[in-house]
Amino acid sequence: MRVELTLSKEQMELLNRAKELLSHALPGATLVEVSTSLAQRYVKQSSFPRRN
């Protein structure tokens, strides 16, 4: 799947900062890998039991 984003300068700086901070855990990670890692961490941290 392909997704295109338009980010402000500040948003791009924030994403690159997150990439720097994750570089020990994800050396050489792409922005896709960084955003996936951040999403996984957020979902894990914020998850509540799902209702049926």
C-alpha atoms as a PDB file:
ATOM      1  CA  MET A   1       0.000   0.000   0.000  1.00  0.00           C
ATOM      2  CA  ARG A   2       1.242   3.480  -0.767  1.00  0.00           C
ATOM      3  CA  VAL A   3       0.496   6.542   1.355  1.00  0.00           C
ATOM      4  CA  GLU A   4       1.647  10.099   0.700  1.00  0.00           C
ATOM      5  CA  LEU A   5       1.815  12.750   3.413  1.00  0.00           C
ATOM      6  CA  THR A   6       2.381  16.454   3.359  1.00  0.00           C
ATOM      7  CA  LEU A   7       4.064  17.574   6.571  1.00  0.00           C
ATOM      8  CA  SER A   8       4.889  21.002   7.880  1.00  0.00           C
ATOM      9  CA  LYS A   9       8.516  21.786   8.667  1.00  0.00           C
ATOM     10  CA  GLU A  10       7.769  21.357  12.371  1.00  0.00           C
ATOM     11  CA  GLN A  11       6.084  17.984  11.853  1.00  0.00           C
ATOM     12  CA  MET A  12       9.034  16.734   9.817  1.00  0.00           C
ATOM     13  CA  GLU A  13      11.465  17.951  12.480  1.00  0.00           C
ATOM     14  CA  LEU A  14       9.435  16.116  15.125  1.00  0.00           C
ATOM     15  CA  LEU A  15       9.440  12.889  13.107  1.00  0.00           C
ATOM     16  CA  ASN A  16      13.177  13.159  12.530  1.00  0.00           C
ATOM     17  CA  ARG A  17      13.719  13.780  16.251  1.00  0.00           C
ATOM     18  CA  ALA A  18      11.746  10.640  17.052  1.00  0.00           C
ATOM     19  CA  LYS A  19      13.920   8.800  14.519  1.00  0.00           C
ATOM     20  CA  GLU A  20      17.052  10.023  16.314  1.00  0.00           C
ATOM     21  CA  LEU A  21      15.683   8.965  19.696  1.00  0.00           C
ATOM     22  CA  LEU A  22      14.805   5.503  18.371  1.00  0.00           C
ATOM     23  CA  SER A  23      18.137   5.025  16.591  1.00  0.00           C
ATOM     24  CA  HIS A  24      19.487   2.826  19.404  1.00  0.00           C
ATOM     25  CA  ALA A  25      16.513   0.460  19.096  1.00  0.00           C
ATOM     26  CA  LEU A  26      16.058   0.783  15.334  1.00  0.00           C
ATOM     27  CA  PRO A  27      19.440   1.551  13.776  1.00  0.00           C
ATOM     28  CA  GLY A  28      19.109   2.730  10.203  1.00  0.00           C
ATOM     29  CA  ALA A  29      15.301   2.754  10.392  1.00  0.00           C
ATOM     30  CA  THR A  30      13.271   4.389   7.664  1.00  0.00           C
ATOM     31  CA  LEU A  31      10.548   6.899   8.461  1.00  0.00           C
ATOM     32  CA  VAL A  32       8.023   4.131   7.767  1.00  0.00           C
ATOM     33  CA  GLU A  33       9.683   1.913  10.373  1.00  0.00           C
ATOM     34  CA  VAL A  34       9.825   4.788  12.859  1.00  0.00           C
ATOM     35  CA  SER A  35       6.162   5.694  12.418  1.00  0.00           C
ATOM     36  CA  THR A  36       5.169   2.008  12.701  1.00  0.00           C
ATOM     37  CA  SER A  37       7.163   1.639  15.905  1.00  0.00           C
ATOM     38  CA  LEU A  38       5.590   4.771  17.371  1.00  0.00           C
ATOM     39  CA  ALA A  39       2.095   3.593  16.434  1.00  0.00           C
ATOM     40  CA  GLN A  40       2.706   0.154  17.963  1.00  0.00           C
ATOM     41  CA  ARG A  41       3.966   1.699  21.193  1.00  0.00           C
ATOM     42  CA  TYR A  42       1.008   4.077  21.393  1.00  0.00           C
ATOM     43  CA  VAL A  43      -1.564   1.363  20.768  1.00  0.00           C
ATOM     44  CA  LYS A  44       0.059  -0.960  23.304  1.00  0.00           C
ATOM     45  CA  GLN A  45       0.198   1.821  25.909  1.00  0.00           C
ATOM     46  CA  SER A  46      -3.327   3.059  25.256  1.00  0.00           C
ATOM     47  CA  SER A  47      -5.203  -0.185  24.640  1.00  0.00           C
ATOM     48  CA  PHE A  48      -8.262  -1.052  26.602  1.00  0.00           C
ATOM     49  CA  PRO A  49     -10.056  -4.383  26.330  1.00  0.00           C
ATOM     50  CA  ARG A  50     -12.176  -4.402  23.179  1.00  0.00           C
ATOM     51  CA  ARG A  51     -15.928  -4.688  23.427  1.00  0.00           C
ATOM     52  CA  ASN A  52     -17.749  -7.206  21.262  1.00  0.00           C
END
